[in-house]
Amino acid sequence: MGVTSDFKAKVAIAALKGNQTANEIASEYKVHVTQVNTWKKQLITHAGELFGRGSDKQQAEQEQEASKLYEQISRLKVEVDWLKKKTGHLG
């Protein structure tokens, strides 16, 4: 079984807090001290990406919803035009 991303995050956060040395954290979590420092560095380097994902997801959802609404508007316009034609209101 491999190391989970949750475990890596937990170790990296512990290292980032600075309450313990990297050696103490490595001993507590039974990983090499180099690994603790690597995960800490990765957390710092990629933290901004974590916050950007939510907005990207929201934007994609909004675009999908807008697309559905535009499709619905188009269908309704076609129906209205058809009804106008059938009832003689289209001049």
Protein backbone atom coordinates (compact mmCIF):
# COMPACT_ATOMS: atom_id res chain seq x y z
CA MET A 1 0.00 0.00 0.00
CA GLY A 2 1.36 3.43 -0.99
CA VAL A 3 1.41 6.59 1.02
CA THR A 4 -1.84 8.53 0.68
CA SER A 5 -2.04 12.18 -0.23
CA ASP A 6 -3.83 12.81 3.07
CA PHE A 7 -0.88 11.36 4.96
CA LYS A 8 1.59 13.47 2.98
CA ALA A 9 -0.48 16.58 3.68
CA LYS A 10 -0.63 15.78 7.39
CA VAL A 11 3.16 15.41 7.57
CA ALA A 12 3.75 18.54 5.48
CA ILE A 13 1.40 20.60 7.64
CA ALA A 14 3.11 19.37 10.78
CA ALA A 15 6.44 20.46 9.30
CA LEU A 16 5.01 23.80 8.23
CA LYS A 17 3.69 24.55 11.72
CA GLY A 18 7.22 24.50 13.07
CA ASN A 19 6.27 23.08 16.47
CA GLN A 20 8.62 20.13 15.92
CA THR A 21 11.86 19.66 14.04
CA ALA A 22 11.86 17.76 10.78
CA ASN A 23 13.68 14.94 12.58
CA GLU A 24 10.98 14.72 15.25
CA ILE A 25 8.24 14.65 12.62
CA ALA A 26 10.09 12.00 10.62
CA SER A 27 10.40 9.85 13.72
CA GLU A 28 6.74 10.35 14.69
CA TYR A 29 5.38 9.49 11.24
CA LYS A 30 8.06 6.89 10.46
CA VAL A 31 9.32 8.53 7.27
CA HIS A 32 12.74 9.80 6.27
CA VAL A 33 13.54 13.40 7.22
CA THR A 34 14.27 14.20 3.56
CA GLN A 35 10.73 13.13 2.72
CA VAL A 36 9.31 15.46 5.38
CA ASN A 37 11.22 18.38 3.88
CA THR A 38 10.21 17.42 0.33
CA TRP A 39 6.50 17.26 1.21
CA LYS A 40 6.74 20.55 3.11
CA LYS A 41 8.34 22.19 0.08
CA GLN A 42 5.66 20.72 -2.23
CA LEU A 43 2.91 22.05 0.03
CA ILE A 44 4.39 25.53 0.00
CA THR A 45 5.02 25.48 -3.75
CA HIS A 46 1.57 24.17 -4.75
CA ALA A 47 -0.68 25.71 -2.09
CA GLY A 48 -1.97 28.34 -4.52
CA GLU A 49 -3.17 25.66 -6.92
CA LEU A 50 -5.38 24.18 -4.21
CA PHE A 51 -7.32 27.43 -3.88
CA GLY A 52 -7.53 27.92 -7.63
CA ARG A 53 -9.21 24.58 -8.26
CA GLY A 54 -12.43 25.55 -6.55
CA SER A 55 -12.91 28.63 -8.66
CA ASP A 56 -12.09 26.71 -11.85
CA LYS A 57 -14.67 24.11 -10.89
CA GLN A 58 -17.26 26.79 -10.12
CA GLN A 59 -16.59 28.51 -13.42
CA ALA A 60 -16.98 25.24 -15.33
CA GLU A 61 -20.26 24.54 -13.54
CA GLN A 62 -21.52 28.04 -14.33
CA GLU A 63 -20.58 27.66 -17.99
CA GLN A 64 -22.36 24.31 -18.13
CA GLU A 65 -25.48 25.81 -16.53
CA ALA A 66 -25.39 28.76 -18.94
CA SER A 67 -25.09 26.38 -21.87
CA LYS A 68 -28.15 24.45 -20.68
CA LEU A 69 -30.11 27.67 -20.29
CA TYR A 70 -29.17 28.89 -23.77
CA GLU A 71 -30.30 25.56 -25.21
CA GLN A 72 -33.60 25.86 -23.37
CA ILE A 73 -34.08 29.43 -24.62
CA SER A 74 -33.45 28.29 -28.18
CA ARG A 75 -36.01 25.48 -27.88
CA LEU A 76 -38.58 27.84 -26.40
CA LYS A 77 -38.04 30.40 -29.16
CA VAL A 78 -38.62 27.70 -31.77
CA GLU A 79 -41.80 26.64 -29.98
CA VAL A 80 -43.06 30.22 -29.75
CA ASP A 81 -42.36 30.83 -33.43
CA TRP A 82 -44.16 27.59 -34.33
CA LEU A 83 -47.16 28.55 -32.18
CA LYS A 84 -47.28 32.03 -33.71
CA LYS A 85 -47.21 30.53 -37.18
CA LYS A 86 -49.97 28.01 -36.35
CA THR A 87 -52.19 30.71 -34.83
CA GLY A 88 -51.51 33.25 -37.57
CA HIS A 89 -49.65 35.74 -35.43
CA LEU A 90 -46.47 35.58 -37.50
CA GLY A 91 -46.68 38.29 -40.09
